[in-house]
Amino acid sequence: MNTCREQGAAIITAMLVVALAATAASFMMWQNHLWLRQVENLDHQAQARWIARTAIQWGAAILNDDSRDVDHEREKWASNLPPLPAEGGEVTGFIRDAQGLINLNNLVRNGKHSQSDVVILTRLMIALEINPGSINALLDWMDADNEVSYPGGAEDIQYLALEPPYRAANRALEDVSELYRVQGFNRETILKLQPYVTALPAATTINVNTAPAEVLMALCSGLQLADATTLIKRRNSQAFKDKAEFQKLLPQGVQARDEDYNVSSQFFNASAISRNGRVQVAYQALLERPAQGKTITLWLKQIEE
């Protein structure tokens, strides 16, 4: 009887050992599979990043070959790059004229408030049904002094009273998203503004060959949306060859300051999306194409999706 019990216990023990060994082997195989997946993903991510960066450089090369006298949306640089196969994946991208938008950094020039640029931004905000009262806070955020502009301005004393406290930047904007830190600009306001404004590292003119209707309305005193739409239809068939041609086509009584606009651009935004395996990577860059010399990348950043 005891012998049978001992044999049964031995069989059960053996079965337990086999089960434990199988479980351990299965766990080790799963761990190894997970490790291989992680290595594979890292490899795909590195490949996708490299391809996306290459696409940005391709965009810079396209701008180098483009004429710098006139820039418009029917040129080669303005065509979206269709999805192209690349190293086990695909890449796509596009370039947009950054000077078709209102440069918020124009508001402070040489340390002083630029009233003419304040007027342009005011027109835009009114057209978008945004209260322009927060413009003074933006001026205070960028100018170097600590004097509060009235009404609606804000300097260190206002920001240090917040939780958590911080100080006014007292410098040009690095990105439009910085508006979230400026008094008077909330999420709704910023989302309305974003399609029409930018933050460039130098004072710029507005390119009337690429500006949307709302920006043209802000640029030109007295211009109505219907007239702005007509101008865009005209340039879509034939770009404005110079400033005089644009000025000639403005409706009677509508005016635009000569120093506020142009028909060519120096700054461009480039975007690239690369897919490799299970990984997708997106990059954005700001490109500067000087009057002479090659296009350079001012900044390049990966966009988290």
C-alpha atoms as a PDB file:
ATOM      1  CA  MET A   1       0.000   0.000   0.000  1.00  0.00           C
ATOM      2  CA  ASN A   2       2.805   2.333   0.980  1.00  0.00           C
ATOM      3  CA  THR A   3       4.613   1.468  -2.247  1.00  0.00           C
ATOM      4  CA  CYS A   4       1.596   2.516  -4.338  1.00  0.00           C
ATOM      5  CA  ARG A   5       1.338   5.779  -2.460  1.00  0.00           C
ATOM      6  CA  GLU A   6       5.041   6.470  -2.965  1.00  0.00           C
ATOM      7  CA  GLN A   7       4.744   5.735  -6.673  1.00  0.00           C
ATOM      8  CA  GLY A   8       1.702   8.051  -6.956  1.00  0.00           C
ATOM      9  CA  ALA A   9       3.543  10.840  -5.143  1.00  0.00           C
ATOM     10  CA  ALA A  10       6.538  10.390  -7.405  1.00  0.00           C
ATOM     11  CA  ILE A  11       4.351  10.615 -10.524  1.00  0.00           C
ATOM     12  CA  ILE A  12       2.626  13.767  -9.238  1.00  0.00           C
ATOM     13  CA  THR A  13       5.999  15.304  -8.348  1.00  0.00           C
ATOM     14  CA  ALA A  14       7.339  14.489 -11.797  1.00  0.00           C
ATOM     15  CA  MET A  15       4.270  16.036 -13.408  1.00  0.00           C
ATOM     16  CA  LEU A  16       4.706  19.180 -11.315  1.00  0.00           C
ATOM     17  CA  VAL A  17       8.372  19.419 -12.286  1.00  0.00           C
ATOM     18  CA  VAL A  18       7.484  19.044 -15.966  1.00  0.00           C
ATOM     19  CA  ALA A  19       4.738  21.656 -15.651  1.00  0.00           C
ATOM     20  CA  LEU A  20       7.077  24.089 -13.922  1.00  0.00           C
ATOM     21  CA  ALA A  21       9.745  23.488 -16.526  1.00  0.00           C
ATOM     22  CA  ALA A  22       7.227  24.047 -19.340  1.00  0.00           C
ATOM     23  CA  THR A  23       5.968  27.235 -17.667  1.00  0.00           C
ATOM     24  CA  ALA A  24       9.517  28.509 -17.206  1.00  0.00           C
ATOM     25  CA  ALA A  25      10.366  27.697 -20.821  1.00  0.00           C
ATOM     26  CA  SER A  26       7.203  29.401 -22.037  1.00  0.00           C
ATOM     27  CA  PHE A  27       7.969  32.497 -19.941  1.00  0.00           C
ATOM     28  CA  MET A  28      11.526  32.619 -21.235  1.00  0.00           C
ATOM     29  CA  MET A  29      10.290  32.309 -24.823  1.00  0.00           C
ATOM     30  CA  TRP A  30       7.763  35.103 -24.225  1.00  0.00           C
ATOM     31  CA  GLN A  31      10.462  37.303 -22.685  1.00  0.00           C
ATOM     32  CA  ASN A  32      12.749  36.592 -25.616  1.00  0.00           C
ATOM     33  CA  HIS A  33       9.952  37.377 -28.084  1.00  0.00           C
ATOM     34  CA  LEU A  34       9.204  40.640 -26.246  1.00  0.00           C
ATOM     35  CA  TRP A  35      12.888  41.577 -26.272  1.00  0.00           C
ATOM     36  CA  LEU A  36      13.108  40.860 -30.000  1.00  0.00           C
ATOM     37  CA  ARG A  37      10.012  43.019 -30.599  1.00  0.00           C
ATOM     38  CA  GLN A  38      11.537  45.875 -28.613  1.00  0.00           C
ATOM     39  CA  VAL A  39      14.797  45.646 -30.549  1.00  0.00           C
ATOM     40  CA  GLU A  40      12.853  45.494 -33.806  1.00  0.00           C
ATOM     41  CA  ASN A  41      10.782  48.553 -32.854  1.00  0.00           C
ATOM     42  CA  LEU A  42      13.904  50.489 -31.890  1.00  0.00           C
ATOM     43  CA  ASP A  43      15.451  49.613 -35.230  1.00  0.00           C
ATOM     44  CA  HIS A  44      12.279  50.669 -37.078  1.00  0.00           C
ATOM     45  CA  GLN A  45      12.148  53.895 -35.072  1.00  0.00           C
ATOM     46  CA  ALA A  46      15.767  54.736 -35.924  1.00  0.00           C
ATOM     47  CA  GLN A  47      15.092  54.028 -39.604  1.00  0.00           C
ATOM     48  CA  ALA A  48      11.905  56.127 -39.591  1.00  0.00           C
ATOM     49  CA  ARG A  49      13.694  59.057 -37.945  1.00  0.00           C
ATOM     50  CA  TRP A  50      16.530  58.935 -40.444  1.00  0.00           C
ATOM     51  CA  ILE A  51      14.108  58.817 -43.386  1.00  0.00           C
ATOM     52  CA  ALA A  52      11.981  61.704 -42.038  1.00  0.00           C
ATOM     53  CA  ARG A  53      15.074  63.862 -41.499  1.00  0.00           C
ATOM     54  CA  THR A  54      16.183  63.053 -45.032  1.00  0.00           C
ATOM     55  CA  ALA A  55      12.790  64.190 -46.350  1.00  0.00           C
ATOM     56  CA  ILE A  56      13.251  67.536 -44.558  1.00  0.00           C
ATOM     57  CA  GLN A  57      16.630  67.947 -46.241  1.00  0.00           C
ATOM     58  CA  TRP A  58      15.031  67.072 -49.565  1.00  0.00           C
ATOM     59  CA  GLY A  59      12.615  69.945 -48.968  1.00  0.00           C
ATOM     60  CA  ALA A  60      15.526  72.298 -48.336  1.00  0.00           C
ATOM     61  CA  ALA A  61      17.121  71.198 -51.604  1.00  0.00           C
ATOM     62  CA  ILE A  62      13.873  71.921 -53.485  1.00  0.00           C
ATOM     63  CA  LEU A  63      13.852  75.452 -52.040  1.00  0.00           C
ATOM     64  CA  ASN A  64      17.477  75.948 -53.065  1.00  0.00           C
ATOM     65  CA  ASP A  65      16.566  75.305 -56.696  1.00  0.00           C
ATOM     66  CA  ASP A  66      13.522  77.579 -56.632  1.00  0.00           C
ATOM     67  CA  SER A  67      13.511  81.141 -57.933  1.00  0.00           C
ATOM     68  CA  ARG A  68      13.652  83.647 -55.074  1.00  0.00           C
ATOM     69  CA  ASP A  69      11.935  86.515 -56.883  1.00  0.00           C
ATOM     70  CA  VAL A  70       8.364  85.249 -56.521  1.00  0.00           C
ATOM     71  CA  ASP A  71       6.969  82.465 -54.316  1.00  0.00           C
ATOM     72  CA  HIS A  72       3.487  81.059 -54.823  1.00  0.00           C
ATOM     73  CA  GLU A  73       1.502  77.871 -54.257  1.00  0.00           C
ATOM     74  CA  ARG A  74       1.863  76.494 -57.781  1.00  0.00           C
ATOM     75  CA  GLU A  75       5.624  76.095 -57.487  1.00  0.00           C
ATOM     76  CA  LYS A  76       7.343  72.745 -57.016  1.00  0.00           C
ATOM     77  CA  TRP A  77       8.100  73.311 -53.313  1.00  0.00           C
ATOM     78  CA  ALA A  78       4.376  73.775 -52.552  1.00  0.00           C
ATOM     79  CA  SER A  79       3.395  70.334 -53.916  1.00  0.00           C
ATOM     80  CA  ASN A  80       2.850  67.657 -51.273  1.00  0.00           C
ATOM     81  CA  LEU A  81       5.279  64.761 -51.431  1.00  0.00           C
ATOM     82  CA  PRO A  82       3.112  61.672 -52.155  1.00  0.00           C
ATOM     83  CA  PRO A  83       3.742  58.555 -50.039  1.00  0.00           C
ATOM     84  CA  LEU A  84       6.991  57.060 -51.334  1.00  0.00           C
ATOM     85  CA  PRO A  85       8.475  53.651 -50.444  1.00  0.00           C
ATOM     86  CA  ALA A  86      11.635  53.973 -48.375  1.00  0.00           C
ATOM     87  CA  GLU A  87      13.699  51.315 -46.539  1.00  0.00           C
ATOM     88  CA  GLY A  88      10.864  48.957 -45.642  1.00  0.00           C
ATOM     89  CA  GLY A  89       8.321  51.719 -45.093  1.00  0.00           C
ATOM     90  CA  GLU A  90       7.129  54.945 -46.655  1.00  0.00           C
ATOM     91  CA  VAL A  91       7.579  58.678 -46.253  1.00  0.00           C
ATOM     92  CA  THR A  92       5.464  61.696 -47.105  1.00  0.00           C
ATOM     93  CA  GLY A  93       5.881  65.401 -46.474  1.00  0.00           C
ATOM     94  CA  PHE A  94       5.035  68.941 -47.413  1.00  0.00           C
ATOM     95  CA  ILE A  95       6.333  72.524 -47.254  1.00  0.00           C
ATOM     96  CA  ARG A  96       4.274  75.575 -46.346  1.00  0.00           C
ATOM     97  CA  ASP A  97       5.204  79.222 -46.666  1.00  0.00           C
ATOM     98  CA  ALA A  98       5.629  80.581 -43.124  1.00  0.00           C
ATOM     99  CA  GLN A  99       5.358  84.147 -44.424  1.00  0.00           C
ATOM    100  CA  GLY A 100       1.817  83.642 -45.616  1.00  0.00           C
ATOM    101  CA  LEU A 101       0.911  84.144 -41.949  1.00  0.00           C
ATOM    102  CA  ILE A 102       1.134  87.068 -39.517  1.00  0.00           C
ATOM    103  CA  ASN A 103       4.438  87.012 -37.653  1.00  0.00           C
ATOM    104  CA  LEU A 104       3.612  87.786 -34.018  1.00  0.00           C
ATOM    105  CA  ASN A 105       7.223  88.786 -33.368  1.00  0.00           C
ATOM    106  CA  ASN A 106       6.691  91.779 -35.665  1.00  0.00           C
ATOM    107  CA  LEU A 107       4.771  93.377 -32.779  1.00  0.00           C
ATOM    108  CA  VAL A 108       8.035  94.384 -31.083  1.00  0.00           C
ATOM    109  CA  ARG A 109      10.744  95.709 -33.383  1.00  0.00           C
ATOM    110  CA  ASN A 110      14.099  96.937 -32.128  1.00  0.00           C
ATOM    111  CA  GLY A 111      12.725  96.858 -28.594  1.00  0.00           C
ATOM    112  CA  LYS A 112       9.747  99.110 -29.408  1.00  0.00           C
ATOM    113  CA  HIS A 113       6.069  98.360 -29.953  1.00  0.00           C
ATOM    114  CA  SER A 114       5.151  98.425 -33.658  1.00  0.00           C
ATOM    115  CA  GLN A 115       1.786 100.116 -33.887  1.00  0.00           C
ATOM    116  CA  SER A 116       1.292  99.226 -37.549  1.00  0.00           C
ATOM    117  CA  ASP A 117       1.665  95.514 -36.714  1.00  0.00           C
ATOM    118  CA  VAL A 118      -0.654  95.903 -33.735  1.00  0.00           C
ATOM    119  CA  VAL A 119      -3.265  97.246 -36.169  1.00  0.00           C
ATOM    120  CA  ILE A 120      -2.856  94.204 -38.449  1.00  0.00           C
ATOM    121  CA  LEU A 121      -3.239  91.736 -35.578  1.00  0.00           C
ATOM    122  CA  THR A 122      -6.214  93.710 -34.255  1.00  0.00           C
ATOM    123  CA  ARG A 123      -7.973  93.421 -37.633  1.00  0.00           C
ATOM    124  CA  LEU A 124      -7.345  89.672 -37.673  1.00  0.00           C
ATOM    125  CA  MET A 125      -8.683  89.146 -34.172  1.00  0.00           C
ATOM    126  CA  ILE A 126     -11.801  91.189 -34.900  1.00  0.00           C
ATOM    127  CA  ALA A 127     -12.380  89.168 -38.094  1.00  0.00           C
ATOM    128  CA  LEU A 128     -12.087  85.967 -36.037  1.00  0.00           C
ATOM    129  CA  GLU A 129     -14.428  87.372 -33.388  1.00  0.00           C
ATOM    130  CA  ILE A 130     -11.670  87.494 -30.750  1.00  0.00           C
ATOM    131  CA  ASN A 131     -11.388  90.347 -28.287  1.00  0.00           C
ATOM    132  CA  PRO A 132      -8.140  92.178 -29.215  1.00  0.00           C
ATOM    133  CA  GLY A 133      -7.746  93.443 -25.641  1.00  0.00           C
ATOM    134  CA  SER A 134      -5.093  90.797 -24.931  1.00  0.00           C
ATOM    135  CA  ILE A 135      -2.647  92.270 -27.476  1.00  0.00           C
ATOM    136  CA  ASN A 136      -1.141  94.576 -24.844  1.00  0.00           C
ATOM    137  CA  ALA A 137      -0.371  91.531 -22.694  1.00  0.00           C
ATOM    138  CA  LEU A 138       1.439  89.980 -25.654  1.00  0.00           C
ATOM    139  CA  LEU A 139       3.432  93.178 -26.171  1.00  0.00           C
ATOM    140  CA  ASP A 140       4.438  93.165 -22.488  1.00  0.00           C
ATOM    141  CA  TRP A 141       5.399  89.487 -22.746  1.00  0.00           C
ATOM    142  CA  MET A 142       7.863  90.250 -25.539  1.00  0.00           C
ATOM    143  CA  ASP A 143       9.235  93.731 -24.766  1.00  0.00           C
ATOM    144  CA  ALA A 144      12.272  94.123 -22.518  1.00  0.00           C
ATOM    145  CA  ASP A 145      10.816  96.532 -19.937  1.00  0.00           C
ATOM    146  CA  ASN A 146       8.639  95.874 -16.905  1.00  0.00           C
ATOM    147  CA  GLU A 147       6.124  98.638 -17.578  1.00  0.00           C
ATOM    148  CA  VAL A 148       2.544  97.380 -17.878  1.00  0.00           C
ATOM    149  CA  SER A 149       0.700  98.445 -21.031  1.00  0.00           C
ATOM    150  CA  TYR A 150      -2.871  99.554 -20.463  1.00  0.00           C
ATOM    151  CA  PRO A 151      -5.458  98.293 -20.857  1.00  0.00           C
ATOM    152  CA  GLY A 152      -4.971  94.523 -20.557  1.00  0.00           C
ATOM    153  CA  GLY A 153      -1.186  94.402 -20.182  1.00  0.00           C
ATOM    154  CA  ALA A 154       0.721  92.086 -17.853  1.00  0.00           C
ATOM    155  CA  GLU A 155       4.274  91.981 -16.532  1.00  0.00           C
ATOM    156  CA  ASP A 156       6.113  90.021 -13.818  1.00  0.00           C
ATOM    157  CA  ILE A 157       3.889  91.319 -11.040  1.00  0.00           C
ATOM    158  CA  GLN A 158       0.829  89.667 -12.616  1.00  0.00           C
ATOM    159  CA  TYR A 159       2.531  86.374 -13.480  1.00  0.00           C
ATOM    160  CA  LEU A 160       4.289  85.978 -10.125  1.00  0.00           C
ATOM    161  CA  ALA A 161       0.878  86.049  -8.439  1.00  0.00           C
ATOM    162  CA  LEU A 162      -0.142  82.867 -10.318  1.00  0.00           C
ATOM    163  CA  GLU A 163       0.228  79.289  -9.100  1.00  0.00           C
ATOM    164  CA  PRO A 164       2.787  78.206 -10.094  1.00  0.00           C
ATOM    165  CA  PRO A 165       4.424  81.632 -10.498  1.00  0.00           C
ATOM    166  CA  TYR A 166       6.599  82.581 -13.461  1.00  0.00           C
ATOM    167  CA  ARG A 167       7.967  85.711 -15.117  1.00  0.00           C
ATOM    168  CA  ALA A 168       7.255  87.406 -18.431  1.00  0.00           C
ATOM    169  CA  ALA A 169       9.635  86.177 -21.146  1.00  0.00           C
ATOM    170  CA  ASN A 170      10.808  89.676 -22.197  1.00  0.00           C
ATOM    171  CA  ARG A 171      11.899  88.281 -25.556  1.00  0.00           C
ATOM    172  CA  ALA A 172      10.446  87.253 -28.903  1.00  0.00           C
ATOM    173  CA  LEU A 173       8.175  84.226 -29.066  1.00  0.00           C
ATOM    174  CA  GLU A 174       9.883  80.941 -29.892  1.00  0.00           C
ATOM    175  CA  ASP A 175       6.618  79.244 -30.872  1.00  0.00           C
ATOM    176  CA  VAL A 176       2.941  80.170 -31.134  1.00  0.00           C
ATOM    177  CA  SER A 177       2.189  77.665 -28.349  1.00  0.00           C
ATOM    178  CA  GLU A 178       3.907  80.102 -25.963  1.00  0.00           C
ATOM    179  CA  LEU A 179       0.685  82.127 -26.078  1.00  0.00           C
ATOM    180  CA  TYR A 180      -0.719  79.703 -23.505  1.00  0.00           C
ATOM    181  CA  ARG A 181       1.454  81.467 -20.925  1.00  0.00           C
ATOM    182  CA  VAL A 182       0.351  84.978 -21.888  1.00  0.00           C
ATOM    183  CA  GLN A 183      -2.458  86.628 -19.943  1.00  0.00           C
ATOM    184  CA  GLY A 184      -5.714  86.853 -21.878  1.00  0.00           C
ATOM    185  CA  PHE A 185      -4.987  84.004 -24.312  1.00  0.00           C
ATOM    186  CA  ASN A 186      -6.971  80.857 -23.599  1.00  0.00           C
ATOM    187  CA  ARG A 187      -7.231  77.578 -25.501  1.00  0.00           C
ATOM    188  CA  GLU A 188     -10.220  78.687 -27.584  1.00  0.00           C
ATOM    189  CA  THR A 189      -8.526  81.928 -28.617  1.00  0.00           C
ATOM    190  CA  ILE A 190      -5.256  80.233 -29.533  1.00  0.00           C
ATOM    191  CA  LEU A 191      -6.958  77.514 -31.595  1.00  0.00           C
ATOM    192  CA  LYS A 192      -8.737  80.239 -33.575  1.00  0.00           C
ATOM    193  CA  LEU A 193      -5.496  82.156 -34.149  1.00  0.00           C
ATOM    194  CA  GLN A 194      -3.129  79.273 -34.942  1.00  0.00           C
ATOM    195  CA  PRO A 195      -4.036  78.847 -38.635  1.00  0.00           C
ATOM    196  CA  TYR A 196      -3.192  82.502 -39.312  1.00  0.00           C
ATOM    197  CA  VAL A 197      -0.187  83.404 -37.140  1.00  0.00           C
ATOM    198  CA  THR A 198       3.399  82.292 -36.715  1.00  0.00           C
ATOM    199  CA  ALA A 199       6.503  83.166 -34.678  1.00  0.00           C
ATOM    200  CA  LEU A 200       9.565  83.779 -36.840  1.00  0.00           C
ATOM    201  CA  PRO A 201      13.059  84.771 -35.650  1.00  0.00           C
ATOM    202  CA  ALA A 202      13.177  88.023 -37.632  1.00  0.00           C
ATOM    203  CA  ALA A 203      10.797  90.751 -38.737  1.00  0.00           C
ATOM    204  CA  THR A 204       9.033  89.634 -41.904  1.00  0.00           C
ATOM    205  CA  THR A 205       6.577  90.806 -44.529  1.00  0.00           C
ATOM    206  CA  ILE A 206       3.410  88.916 -45.494  1.00  0.00           C
ATOM    207  CA  ASN A 207       3.557  87.069 -48.795  1.00  0.00           C
ATOM    208  CA  VAL A 208       0.300  87.964 -50.569  1.00  0.00           C
ATOM    209  CA  ASN A 209       0.775  85.001 -52.928  1.00  0.00           C
ATOM    210  CA  THR A 210       0.283  82.503 -50.090  1.00  0.00           C
ATOM    211  CA  ALA A 211      -1.690  84.351 -47.384  1.00  0.00           C
ATOM    212  CA  PRO A 212      -5.210  83.054 -46.582  1.00  0.00           C
ATOM    213  CA  ALA A 213      -8.180  85.380 -46.993  1.00  0.00           C
ATOM    214  CA  GLU A 214      -8.287  86.258 -43.283  1.00  0.00           C
ATOM    215  CA  VAL A 215      -4.657  87.387 -43.346  1.00  0.00           C
ATOM    216  CA  LEU A 216      -5.231  89.491 -46.470  1.00  0.00           C
ATOM    217  CA  MET A 217      -8.166  91.161 -44.706  1.00  0.00           C
ATOM    218  CA  ALA A 218      -5.921  91.950 -41.747  1.00  0.00           C
ATOM    219  CA  LEU A 219      -3.156  93.273 -43.995  1.00  0.00           C
ATOM    220  CA  CYS A 220      -5.385  95.564 -46.057  1.00  0.00           C
ATOM    221  CA  SER A 221      -7.440  98.323 -44.464  1.00  0.00           C
ATOM    222  CA  GLY A 222     -11.049  98.099 -45.631  1.00  0.00           C
ATOM    223  CA  LEU A 223     -10.738  94.750 -47.443  1.00  0.00           C
ATOM    224  CA  GLN A 224     -13.839  92.551 -47.164  1.00  0.00           C
ATOM    225  CA  LEU A 225     -13.880  88.742 -47.153  1.00  0.00           C
ATOM    226  CA  ALA A 226     -15.528  88.558 -50.590  1.00  0.00           C
ATOM    227  CA  ASP A 227     -12.830  90.792 -52.080  1.00  0.00           C
ATOM    228  CA  ALA A 228     -10.070  88.778 -50.381  1.00  0.00           C
ATOM    229  CA  THR A 229     -11.557  85.596 -51.851  1.00  0.00           C
ATOM    230  CA  THR A 230     -11.555  87.202 -55.298  1.00  0.00           C
ATOM    231  CA  LEU A 231      -7.864  88.084 -54.927  1.00  0.00           C
ATOM    232  CA  ILE A 232      -7.071  84.477 -53.992  1.00  0.00           C
ATOM    233  CA  LYS A 233      -8.930  83.139 -57.040  1.00  0.00           C
ATOM    234  CA  ARG A 234      -6.938  85.548 -59.200  1.00  0.00           C
ATOM    235  CA  ARG A 235      -3.564  84.493 -57.787  1.00  0.00           C
ATOM    236  CA  ASN A 236      -4.472  80.793 -58.065  1.00  0.00           C
ATOM    237  CA  SER A 237      -4.540  81.209 -61.843  1.00  0.00           C
ATOM    238  CA  GLN A 238      -1.753  83.781 -62.038  1.00  0.00           C
ATOM    239  CA  ALA A 239       0.449  84.686 -59.079  1.00  0.00           C
ATOM    240  CA  PHE A 240       1.147  88.335 -58.300  1.00  0.00           C
ATOM    241  CA  LYS A 241       4.456  89.047 -60.023  1.00  0.00           C
ATOM    242  CA  ASP A 242       5.263  92.079 -57.863  1.00  0.00           C
ATOM    243  CA  LYS A 243       3.854  94.371 -55.183  1.00  0.00           C
ATOM    244  CA  ALA A 244       2.620  96.920 -57.693  1.00  0.00           C
ATOM    245  CA  GLU A 245       0.413  94.337 -59.391  1.00  0.00           C
ATOM    246  CA  PHE A 246      -1.177  93.365 -56.073  1.00  0.00           C
ATOM    247  CA  GLN A 247      -1.741  97.015 -55.162  1.00  0.00           C
ATOM    248  CA  LYS A 248      -3.370  97.668 -58.541  1.00  0.00           C
ATOM    249  CA  LEU A 249      -5.887  94.860 -58.006  1.00  0.00           C
ATOM    250  CA  LEU A 250      -7.086  96.087 -54.623  1.00  0.00           C
ATOM    251  CA  PRO A 251     -10.657  97.466 -54.602  1.00  0.00           C
ATOM    252  CA  GLN A 252     -11.048 101.223 -54.560  1.00  0.00           C
ATOM    253  CA  GLY A 253     -10.467 102.686 -51.109  1.00  0.00           C
ATOM    254  CA  VAL A 254      -8.605  99.591 -49.814  1.00  0.00           C
ATOM    255  CA  GLN A 255      -5.021 100.222 -48.734  1.00  0.00           C
ATOM    256  CA  ALA A 256      -2.000  98.143 -47.713  1.00  0.00           C
ATOM    257  CA  ARG A 257       1.249  99.600 -46.416  1.00  0.00           C
ATOM    258  CA  ASP A 258       4.035  98.882 -48.884  1.00  0.00           C
ATOM    259  CA  GLU A 259       6.446  97.771 -46.140  1.00  0.00           C
ATOM    260  CA  ASP A 260       4.005  95.179 -44.749  1.00  0.00           C
ATOM    261  CA  TYR A 261       3.851  92.758 -47.678  1.00  0.00           C
ATOM    262  CA  ASN A 262       5.783  91.148 -50.509  1.00  0.00           C
ATOM    263  CA  VAL A 263       5.468  88.443 -53.178  1.00  0.00           C
ATOM    264  CA  SER A 264       8.419  86.298 -52.029  1.00  0.00           C
ATOM    265  CA  SER A 265       9.434  84.559 -48.818  1.00  0.00           C
ATOM    266  CA  GLN A 266      12.469  83.695 -46.749  1.00  0.00           C
ATOM    267  CA  PHE A 267      11.014  81.316 -44.114  1.00  0.00           C
ATOM    268  CA  PHE A 268       9.233  78.013 -44.719  1.00  0.00           C
ATOM    269  CA  ASN A 269       7.776  75.256 -42.538  1.00  0.00           C
ATOM    270  CA  ALA A 270       8.606  71.695 -43.585  1.00  0.00           C
ATOM    271  CA  SER A 271       6.893  68.558 -42.262  1.00  0.00           C
ATOM    272  CA  ALA A 272       7.691  64.882 -42.843  1.00  0.00           C
ATOM    273  CA  ILE A 273       5.957  61.684 -41.716  1.00  0.00           C
ATOM    274  CA  SER A 274       7.817  58.393 -41.998  1.00  0.00           C
ATOM    275  CA  ARG A 275       6.466  54.882 -41.377  1.00  0.00           C
ATOM    276  CA  ASN A 276       8.674  51.854 -40.860  1.00  0.00           C
ATOM    277  CA  GLY A 277       7.207  48.575 -39.661  1.00  0.00           C
ATOM    278  CA  ARG A 278       4.906  49.340 -36.744  1.00  0.00           C
ATOM    279  CA  VAL A 279       6.533  52.730 -36.078  1.00  0.00           C
ATOM    280  CA  GLN A 280       5.440  56.165 -37.328  1.00  0.00           C
ATOM    281  CA  VAL A 281       7.574  59.274 -36.803  1.00  0.00           C
ATOM    282  CA  ALA A 282       6.711  62.906 -37.606  1.00  0.00           C
ATOM    283  CA  TYR A 283       9.107  65.855 -37.787  1.00  0.00           C
ATOM    284  CA  GLN A 284       8.641  69.571 -38.282  1.00  0.00           C
ATOM    285  CA  ALA A 285      11.314  72.092 -39.225  1.00  0.00           C
ATOM    286  CA  LEU A 286      11.692  75.794 -39.853  1.00  0.00           C
ATOM    287  CA  LEU A 287      13.783  76.482 -42.939  1.00  0.00           C
ATOM    288  CA  GLU A 288      15.386  79.786 -43.839  1.00  0.00           C
ATOM    289  CA  ARG A 289      16.264  80.498 -47.442  1.00  0.00           C
ATOM    290  CA  PRO A 290      18.392  83.659 -47.502  1.00  0.00           C
ATOM    291  CA  ALA A 291      18.640  85.952 -50.498  1.00  0.00           C
ATOM    292  CA  GLN A 292      22.036  84.429 -51.189  1.00  0.00           C
ATOM    293  CA  GLY A 293      23.319  80.997 -50.238  1.00  0.00           C
ATOM    294  CA  LYS A 294      21.770  77.662 -49.324  1.00  0.00           C
ATOM    295  CA  THR A 295      18.658  76.993 -47.302  1.00  0.00           C
ATOM    296  CA  ILE A 296      19.406  76.236 -43.655  1.00  0.00           C
ATOM    297  CA  THR A 297      17.429  74.444 -40.934  1.00  0.00           C
ATOM    298  CA  LEU A 298      16.812  76.798 -38.004  1.00  0.00           C
ATOM    299  CA  TRP A 299      15.160  74.136 -35.860  1.00  0.00           C
ATOM    300  CA  LEU A 300      14.017  70.550 -36.207  1.00  0.00           C
ATOM    301  CA  LYS A 301      11.751  68.788 -33.739  1.00  0.00           C
ATOM    302  CA  GLN A 302       9.958  65.489 -33.501  1.00  0.00           C
ATOM    303  CA  ILE A 303       6.193  65.764 -33.105  1.00  0.00           C
ATOM    304  CA  GLU A 304       4.585  63.388 -30.625  1.00  0.00           C
ATOM    305  CA  GLU A 305       1.382  61.915 -32.061  1.00  0.00           C
END
